[in-house]
Amino acid sequence: MTTFDDREKAFENKFQHDQDLLFRIRARRDKLAGLWAADLQGLRGPEAEAYARQIVDTDIATPGPHDIRDRLLADLRAKGVDVSEHRIEKELSHLLDLARQQVTAE
């Protein structure tokens, strides 16, 4: 292998690592968001965990910048919880920071 090949392989490995880390952080954020929304809906224990898994699955099935926000907004409003898009966005931002801290500490 040449130095160029070694360097290219190193960049590919770093890219893959970064993508894996980002996926884990987003999945953790989604789970935390699901638990937060479950609490607002009055869900506890296994019901809250199941709801959080659904939220994670939503982001995996339809990745995008607003899929989780839209799902949480619809679910919360359907349960009569008065919540705004801004509040959800703010919570998602906070939970992303928390998820990043948790995942990088593992």
C-alpha atoms as a PDB file:
ATOM      1  CA  MET A   1       0.000   0.000   0.000  1.00  0.00           C
ATOM      2  CA  THR A   2       1.128   3.493  -0.733  1.00  0.00           C
ATOM      3  CA  THR A   3       0.935   6.398   1.625  1.00  0.00           C
ATOM      4  CA  PHE A   4      -1.973   7.719  -0.419  1.00  0.00           C
ATOM      5  CA  ASP A   5      -3.845   4.414  -0.021  1.00  0.00           C
ATOM      6  CA  ASP A   6      -3.181   4.433   3.723  1.00  0.00           C
ATOM      7  CA  ARG A   7      -4.443   7.978   4.000  1.00  0.00           C
ATOM      8  CA  GLU A   8      -7.543   7.210   1.947  1.00  0.00           C
ATOM      9  CA  LYS A   9      -8.308   4.184   4.133  1.00  0.00           C
ATOM     10  CA  ALA A  10      -7.862   6.292   7.280  1.00  0.00           C
ATOM     11  CA  PHE A  11     -10.325   8.901   5.967  1.00  0.00           C
ATOM     12  CA  GLU A  12     -12.829   6.166   5.098  1.00  0.00           C
ATOM     13  CA  ASN A  13     -12.499   4.658   8.575  1.00  0.00           C
ATOM     14  CA  LYS A  14     -12.957   8.054  10.236  1.00  0.00           C
ATOM     15  CA  PHE A  15     -15.994   8.796   8.092  1.00  0.00           C
ATOM     16  CA  GLN A  16     -17.559   5.443   9.013  1.00  0.00           C
ATOM     17  CA  HIS A  17     -16.810   6.000  12.699  1.00  0.00           C
ATOM     18  CA  ASP A  18     -18.331   9.485  12.594  1.00  0.00           C
ATOM     19  CA  GLN A  19     -21.470   8.185  10.860  1.00  0.00           C
ATOM     20  CA  ASP A  20     -21.852   5.395  13.416  1.00  0.00           C
ATOM     21  CA  LEU A  21     -21.425   7.871  16.262  1.00  0.00           C
ATOM     22  CA  LEU A  22     -23.968  10.257  14.746  1.00  0.00           C
ATOM     23  CA  PHE A  23     -26.465   7.402  14.348  1.00  0.00           C
ATOM     24  CA  ARG A  24     -26.036   6.362  17.983  1.00  0.00           C
ATOM     25  CA  ILE A  25     -26.422   9.961  19.187  1.00  0.00           C
ATOM     26  CA  ARG A  26     -29.597  10.500  17.146  1.00  0.00           C
ATOM     27  CA  ALA A  27     -31.061   7.185  18.302  1.00  0.00           C
ATOM     28  CA  ARG A  28     -30.353   8.118  21.929  1.00  0.00           C
ATOM     29  CA  ARG A  29     -31.875  11.579  21.387  1.00  0.00           C
ATOM     30  CA  ASP A  30     -34.960   9.977  19.857  1.00  0.00           C
ATOM     31  CA  LYS A  31     -35.344   7.590  22.791  1.00  0.00           C
ATOM     32  CA  LEU A  32     -34.989  10.435  25.285  1.00  0.00           C
ATOM     33  CA  ALA A  33     -37.524  12.480  23.302  1.00  0.00           C
ATOM     34  CA  GLY A  34     -39.905   9.537  23.289  1.00  0.00           C
ATOM     35  CA  LEU A  35     -39.610   9.179  27.053  1.00  0.00           C
ATOM     36  CA  TRP A  36     -40.146  12.933  27.489  1.00  0.00           C
ATOM     37  CA  ALA A  37     -43.272  12.875  25.316  1.00  0.00           C
ATOM     38  CA  ALA A  38     -44.510   9.696  26.989  1.00  0.00           C
ATOM     39  CA  ASP A  39     -44.292  11.435  30.357  1.00  0.00           C
ATOM     40  CA  LEU A  40     -46.313  14.379  29.034  1.00  0.00           C
ATOM     41  CA  GLN A  41     -48.960  11.901  27.847  1.00  0.00           C
ATOM     42  CA  GLY A  42     -49.081  10.176  31.218  1.00  0.00           C
ATOM     43  CA  LEU A  43     -47.423   6.972  30.006  1.00  0.00           C
ATOM     44  CA  ARG A  44     -45.249   5.109  32.508  1.00  0.00           C
ATOM     45  CA  GLY A  45     -43.092   1.995  32.667  1.00  0.00           C
ATOM     46  CA  PRO A  46     -43.361  -0.456  29.777  1.00  0.00           C
ATOM     47  CA  GLU A  47     -45.849   1.768  27.931  1.00  0.00           C
ATOM     48  CA  ALA A  48     -43.382   4.666  28.001  1.00  0.00           C
ATOM     49  CA  GLU A  49     -40.531   2.416  26.835  1.00  0.00           C
ATOM     50  CA  ALA A  50     -42.659   1.042  23.990  1.00  0.00           C
ATOM     51  CA  TYR A  51     -43.601   4.560  22.913  1.00  0.00           C
ATOM     52  CA  ALA A  52     -39.941   5.639  22.987  1.00  0.00           C
ATOM     53  CA  ARG A  53     -39.043   2.669  20.740  1.00  0.00           C
ATOM     54  CA  GLN A  54     -41.737   3.779  18.296  1.00  0.00           C
ATOM     55  CA  ILE A  55     -40.171   7.233  18.166  1.00  0.00           C
ATOM     56  CA  VAL A  56     -36.730   5.754  17.442  1.00  0.00           C
ATOM     57  CA  ASP A  57     -38.274   3.582  14.719  1.00  0.00           C
ATOM     58  CA  THR A  58     -39.950   6.642  13.194  1.00  0.00           C
ATOM     59  CA  ASP A  59     -36.600   8.369  12.694  1.00  0.00           C
ATOM     60  CA  ILE A  60     -35.022   5.229  11.257  1.00  0.00           C
ATOM     61  CA  ALA A  61     -37.926   4.600   8.863  1.00  0.00           C
ATOM     62  CA  THR A  62     -38.262   8.197   7.666  1.00  0.00           C
ATOM     63  CA  PRO A  63     -35.061  10.091   8.422  1.00  0.00           C
ATOM     64  CA  GLY A  64     -35.294  13.817   8.048  1.00  0.00           C
ATOM     65  CA  PRO A  65     -34.941  17.022   9.982  1.00  0.00           C
ATOM     66  CA  HIS A  66     -38.582  17.278  11.080  1.00  0.00           C
ATOM     67  CA  ASP A  67     -39.940  13.730  11.237  1.00  0.00           C
ATOM     68  CA  ILE A  68     -39.551  13.370  14.998  1.00  0.00           C
ATOM     69  CA  ARG A  69     -40.860  16.864  15.717  1.00  0.00           C
ATOM     70  CA  ASP A  70     -43.922  16.269  13.555  1.00  0.00           C
ATOM     71  CA  ARG A  71     -44.621  12.862  15.115  1.00  0.00           C
ATOM     72  CA  LEU A  72     -44.276  14.194  18.665  1.00  0.00           C
ATOM     73  CA  LEU A  73     -46.433  17.215  17.868  1.00  0.00           C
ATOM     74  CA  ALA A  74     -49.196  15.056  16.382  1.00  0.00           C
ATOM     75  CA  ASP A  75     -49.098  12.511  19.211  1.00  0.00           C
ATOM     76  CA  LEU A  76     -49.079  15.115  21.968  1.00  0.00           C
ATOM     77  CA  ARG A  77     -51.871  17.158  20.442  1.00  0.00           C
ATOM     78  CA  ALA A  78     -53.942  14.004  19.908  1.00  0.00           C
ATOM     79  CA  LYS A  79     -53.668  13.390  23.670  1.00  0.00           C
ATOM     80  CA  GLY A  80     -54.717  16.971  24.417  1.00  0.00           C
ATOM     81  CA  VAL A  81     -51.268  18.162  25.488  1.00  0.00           C
ATOM     82  CA  ASP A  82     -50.829  21.861  24.717  1.00  0.00           C
ATOM     83  CA  VAL A  83     -47.377  22.027  23.142  1.00  0.00           C
ATOM     84  CA  SER A  84     -45.856  24.136  20.375  1.00  0.00           C
ATOM     85  CA  GLU A  85     -43.410  23.246  17.620  1.00  0.00           C
ATOM     86  CA  HIS A  86     -40.949  25.628  19.263  1.00  0.00           C
ATOM     87  CA  ARG A  87     -41.165  23.804  22.595  1.00  0.00           C
ATOM     88  CA  ILE A  88     -40.549  20.468  20.901  1.00  0.00           C
ATOM     89  CA  GLU A  89     -37.638  21.869  18.870  1.00  0.00           C
ATOM     90  CA  LYS A  90     -36.123  23.328  22.034  1.00  0.00           C
ATOM     91  CA  GLU A  91     -36.480  20.011  23.869  1.00  0.00           C
ATOM     92  CA  LEU A  92     -35.002  18.077  20.927  1.00  0.00           C
ATOM     93  CA  SER A  93     -32.018  20.430  20.887  1.00  0.00           C
ATOM     94  CA  HIS A  94     -31.486  19.969  24.612  1.00  0.00           C
ATOM     95  CA  LEU A  95     -31.843  16.193  24.327  1.00  0.00           C
ATOM     96  CA  LEU A  96     -29.392  16.077  21.410  1.00  0.00           C
ATOM     97  CA  ASP A  97     -26.772  17.728  23.618  1.00  0.00           C
ATOM     98  CA  LEU A  98     -27.563  15.306  26.436  1.00  0.00           C
ATOM     99  CA  ALA A  99     -27.429  12.305  24.088  1.00  0.00           C
ATOM    100  CA  ARG A 100     -24.068  13.463  22.701  1.00  0.00           C
ATOM    101  CA  GLN A 101     -22.675  13.670  26.238  1.00  0.00           C
ATOM    102  CA  GLN A 102     -24.032  10.244  27.163  1.00  0.00           C
ATOM    103  CA  VAL A 103     -22.820   8.466  24.025  1.00  0.00           C
ATOM    104  CA  THR A 104     -19.351   9.998  24.061  1.00  0.00           C
ATOM    105  CA  ALA A 105     -18.980   9.089  27.748  1.00  0.00           C
ATOM    106  CA  GLU A 106     -19.656   5.401  27.030  1.00  0.00           C
END
